[in-house]
N, C-alpha and C. Protein backbone atom coordinates (compact mmCIF):
# COMPACT_ATOMS: atom_id res chain seq x y z
N MET A 1 -2.99 -33.75 -8.95
CA MET A 1 -3.40 -33.90 -7.57
C MET A 1 -4.76 -34.59 -7.53
N GLU A 2 -4.89 -35.52 -6.62
CA GLU A 2 -6.13 -36.28 -6.48
C GLU A 2 -7.30 -35.39 -6.06
N PHE A 3 -7.06 -34.51 -5.12
CA PHE A 3 -8.11 -33.61 -4.64
C PHE A 3 -8.66 -32.77 -5.78
N CYS A 4 -7.78 -32.21 -6.58
CA CYS A 4 -8.21 -31.36 -7.70
C CYS A 4 -9.03 -32.17 -8.71
N ARG A 5 -8.60 -33.35 -8.97
CA ARG A 5 -9.34 -34.18 -9.92
C ARG A 5 -10.73 -34.54 -9.38
N GLN A 6 -10.80 -34.87 -8.08
CA GLN A 6 -12.09 -35.20 -7.48
C GLN A 6 -13.04 -34.00 -7.48
N GLN A 7 -12.49 -32.81 -7.26
CA GLN A 7 -13.32 -31.61 -7.18
C GLN A 7 -13.47 -30.92 -8.54
N GLN A 8 -12.85 -31.51 -9.54
CA GLN A 8 -12.87 -30.97 -10.89
C GLN A 8 -12.34 -29.53 -10.92
N ILE A 9 -11.17 -29.38 -10.29
CA ILE A 9 -10.50 -28.08 -10.22
C ILE A 9 -9.21 -28.18 -11.01
N ASN A 10 -8.93 -27.17 -11.83
CA ASN A 10 -7.68 -27.12 -12.57
C ASN A 10 -6.54 -26.97 -11.57
N VAL A 11 -5.49 -27.77 -11.71
CA VAL A 11 -4.38 -27.79 -10.76
C VAL A 11 -3.70 -26.41 -10.70
N GLN A 12 -3.49 -25.79 -11.86
CA GLN A 12 -2.86 -24.46 -11.88
C GLN A 12 -3.73 -23.42 -11.15
N THR A 13 -5.02 -23.51 -11.34
CA THR A 13 -5.95 -22.60 -10.66
C THR A 13 -5.87 -22.80 -9.14
N TYR A 14 -5.78 -24.07 -8.72
CA TYR A 14 -5.68 -24.38 -7.31
C TYR A 14 -4.44 -23.72 -6.69
N TYR A 15 -3.27 -23.90 -7.32
CA TYR A 15 -2.04 -23.35 -6.77
C TYR A 15 -2.02 -21.81 -6.82
N THR A 16 -2.60 -21.25 -7.85
CA THR A 16 -2.67 -19.79 -7.95
C THR A 16 -3.53 -19.23 -6.83
N ARG A 17 -4.68 -19.84 -6.63
CA ARG A 17 -5.60 -19.37 -5.59
C ARG A 17 -4.99 -19.56 -4.20
N ARG A 18 -4.30 -20.67 -3.98
CA ARG A 18 -3.65 -20.94 -2.69
C ARG A 18 -2.58 -19.88 -2.41
N ARG A 19 -1.81 -19.52 -3.43
CA ARG A 19 -0.79 -18.48 -3.27
C ARG A 19 -1.44 -17.14 -2.91
N ASP A 20 -2.55 -16.81 -3.59
CA ASP A 20 -3.24 -15.55 -3.32
C ASP A 20 -3.74 -15.49 -1.87
N ILE A 21 -4.27 -16.59 -1.39
CA ILE A 21 -4.77 -16.64 -0.01
C ILE A 21 -3.63 -16.47 0.98
N ARG A 22 -2.49 -17.11 0.73
CA ARG A 22 -1.34 -16.97 1.62
C ARG A 22 -0.82 -15.54 1.63
N LEU A 23 -0.81 -14.89 0.48
CA LEU A 23 -0.36 -13.50 0.40
C LEU A 23 -1.30 -12.59 1.19
N GLN A 24 -2.59 -12.86 1.13
CA GLN A 24 -3.55 -12.05 1.88
C GLN A 24 -3.33 -12.18 3.38
N ARG A 25 -2.99 -13.36 3.82
CA ARG A 25 -2.78 -13.59 5.25
C ARG A 25 -1.53 -12.91 5.76
N THR A 26 -0.51 -12.80 4.92
CA THR A 26 0.76 -12.23 5.37
C THR A 26 0.90 -10.75 5.07
N SER A 27 -0.01 -10.20 4.30
CA SER A 27 0.11 -8.78 3.98
C SER A 27 -0.18 -7.94 5.22
N SER A 28 0.48 -6.82 5.30
CA SER A 28 0.34 -5.95 6.46
C SER A 28 -1.03 -5.27 6.48
N LYS A 29 -1.59 -5.15 7.65
CA LYS A 29 -2.87 -4.49 7.81
C LYS A 29 -2.67 -3.00 8.14
N PHE A 30 -1.42 -2.56 8.25
CA PHE A 30 -1.13 -1.18 8.58
C PHE A 30 -1.21 -0.30 7.34
N VAL A 31 -1.68 0.90 7.56
CA VAL A 31 -1.77 1.87 6.48
C VAL A 31 -0.90 3.05 6.87
N GLN A 32 -0.04 3.48 5.95
CA GLN A 32 0.82 4.61 6.25
C GLN A 32 0.00 5.90 6.20
N VAL A 33 0.17 6.70 7.24
CA VAL A 33 -0.55 7.97 7.34
C VAL A 33 0.48 9.08 7.36
N LYS A 34 0.28 10.07 6.50
CA LYS A 34 1.19 11.20 6.50
C LYS A 34 0.67 12.25 7.47
N ARG A 35 1.53 12.69 8.33
CA ARG A 35 1.16 13.70 9.32
C ARG A 35 1.49 15.07 8.77
N GLU A 36 0.52 15.95 8.85
CA GLU A 36 0.73 17.31 8.37
C GLU A 36 1.45 18.11 9.44
N VAL A 37 2.51 18.78 9.04
CA VAL A 37 3.29 19.57 9.97
C VAL A 37 2.84 21.02 9.88
N THR A 38 2.57 21.60 11.02
CA THR A 38 2.14 22.99 11.09
C THR A 38 3.34 23.85 11.45
N LYS A 39 3.55 24.90 10.69
CA LYS A 39 4.65 25.82 10.97
C LYS A 39 4.21 26.76 12.08
N VAL A 40 5.05 26.87 13.08
CA VAL A 40 4.75 27.73 14.21
C VAL A 40 5.81 28.84 14.25
N GLU A 41 5.36 30.06 14.24
CA GLU A 41 6.27 31.19 14.34
C GLU A 41 6.16 31.79 15.73
N SER A 42 7.27 32.15 16.27
CA SER A 42 7.29 32.68 17.63
C SER A 42 8.09 33.96 17.65
N TYR A 43 7.57 34.94 18.35
CA TYR A 43 8.31 36.18 18.57
C TYR A 43 7.79 36.83 19.84
N THR A 44 8.59 37.68 20.39
CA THR A 44 8.17 38.37 21.61
C THR A 44 8.00 39.85 21.30
N GLU A 45 7.05 40.42 21.98
CA GLU A 45 6.76 41.84 21.80
C GLU A 45 6.21 42.35 23.12
N GLU A 46 6.66 43.49 23.52
CA GLU A 46 6.19 44.06 24.79
C GLU A 46 4.77 44.60 24.60
N THR A 47 3.76 43.88 25.08
CA THR A 47 2.37 44.30 24.91
C THR A 47 1.62 44.17 26.23
N ASN A 48 2.01 44.93 27.20
CA ASN A 48 1.31 44.97 28.49
C ASN A 48 1.17 43.59 29.12
N SER A 49 2.18 42.77 29.03
CA SER A 49 2.20 41.44 29.64
C SER A 49 1.04 40.55 29.18
N GLU A 50 0.77 40.56 27.90
CA GLU A 50 -0.26 39.68 27.34
C GLU A 50 0.35 38.81 26.25
N LEU A 51 -0.24 37.66 26.10
CA LEU A 51 0.18 36.72 25.07
C LEU A 51 -0.88 36.71 23.99
N LEU A 52 -0.46 36.94 22.75
CA LEU A 52 -1.40 36.97 21.63
C LEU A 52 -1.21 35.70 20.82
N LEU A 53 -2.26 34.90 20.72
CA LEU A 53 -2.25 33.69 19.90
C LEU A 53 -3.08 33.98 18.67
N GLN A 54 -2.53 33.69 17.50
CA GLN A 54 -3.23 34.00 16.26
C GLN A 54 -3.21 32.78 15.35
N LEU A 55 -4.39 32.43 14.81
CA LEU A 55 -4.52 31.35 13.85
C LEU A 55 -5.43 31.85 12.75
N GLY A 56 -4.86 32.13 11.59
CA GLY A 56 -5.65 32.70 10.51
C GLY A 56 -6.17 34.05 10.93
N ASN A 57 -7.47 34.26 10.85
CA ASN A 57 -8.09 35.52 11.24
C ASN A 57 -8.49 35.55 12.72
N ALA A 58 -8.35 34.43 13.40
CA ALA A 58 -8.75 34.35 14.80
C ALA A 58 -7.59 34.75 15.71
N GLN A 59 -7.92 35.49 16.76
CA GLN A 59 -6.92 35.92 17.73
C GLN A 59 -7.43 35.67 19.14
N LEU A 60 -6.50 35.31 20.02
CA LEU A 60 -6.83 35.11 21.43
C LEU A 60 -5.73 35.78 22.24
N THR A 61 -6.11 36.69 23.13
CA THR A 61 -5.15 37.37 23.98
C THR A 61 -5.38 36.90 25.41
N VAL A 62 -4.29 36.45 26.05
CA VAL A 62 -4.36 35.99 27.44
C VAL A 62 -3.20 36.60 28.22
N PRO A 63 -3.38 36.79 29.50
CA PRO A 63 -2.27 37.31 30.32
C PRO A 63 -1.08 36.34 30.29
N THR A 64 0.12 36.87 30.39
CA THR A 64 1.31 36.02 30.34
C THR A 64 1.42 35.08 31.54
N ASN A 65 0.70 35.37 32.60
CA ASN A 65 0.74 34.48 33.77
C ASN A 65 -0.32 33.39 33.70
N THR A 66 -0.96 33.22 32.54
CA THR A 66 -1.96 32.16 32.36
C THR A 66 -1.25 30.80 32.43
N ASN A 67 -1.92 29.84 33.04
CA ASN A 67 -1.38 28.50 33.17
C ASN A 67 -1.07 27.92 31.78
N PRO A 68 0.17 27.54 31.51
CA PRO A 68 0.54 27.04 30.18
C PRO A 68 -0.21 25.75 29.80
N HIS A 69 -0.62 24.95 30.79
CA HIS A 69 -1.38 23.74 30.49
C HIS A 69 -2.77 24.10 29.95
N TRP A 70 -3.34 25.17 30.49
CA TRP A 70 -4.63 25.63 29.99
C TRP A 70 -4.51 26.11 28.54
N VAL A 71 -3.44 26.87 28.27
CA VAL A 71 -3.21 27.36 26.91
C VAL A 71 -3.03 26.19 25.96
N ALA A 72 -2.25 25.19 26.36
CA ALA A 72 -2.04 24.01 25.51
C ALA A 72 -3.34 23.26 25.26
N THR A 73 -4.18 23.16 26.29
CA THR A 73 -5.47 22.48 26.14
C THR A 73 -6.36 23.20 25.15
N VAL A 74 -6.40 24.54 25.27
CA VAL A 74 -7.20 25.34 24.35
C VAL A 74 -6.68 25.18 22.91
N MET A 75 -5.37 25.24 22.74
CA MET A 75 -4.80 25.12 21.39
C MET A 75 -5.06 23.74 20.80
N LYS A 76 -4.97 22.72 21.63
CA LYS A 76 -5.25 21.36 21.15
C LYS A 76 -6.71 21.23 20.74
N ALA A 77 -7.62 21.78 21.52
CA ALA A 77 -9.04 21.72 21.19
C ALA A 77 -9.33 22.48 19.90
N LEU A 78 -8.69 23.60 19.69
CA LEU A 78 -8.91 24.37 18.47
C LEU A 78 -8.36 23.66 17.24
N ALA A 79 -7.32 22.86 17.44
CA ALA A 79 -6.70 22.15 16.31
C ALA A 79 -7.53 20.96 15.84
N GLU A 80 -8.47 20.49 16.65
CA GLU A 80 -9.26 19.31 16.30
C GLU A 80 -10.32 19.65 15.28
């Protein structure tokens, strides 16, 4: 190749480097992330109309008529 000779570049080096650059452009920028699944156990127990939420050593007791959206918000905040 004329360009390689003018620039004093080895032709094989030129094609190798060009291939590497093309591969970099087409490679995916996405990274696979594994999501950790949390096991949730559910059971009912007659306890004066209260809901007991337990995570490890922490416990939260709320009345069963508590707004479920509030409970979900609290659980989401605790999970962060």
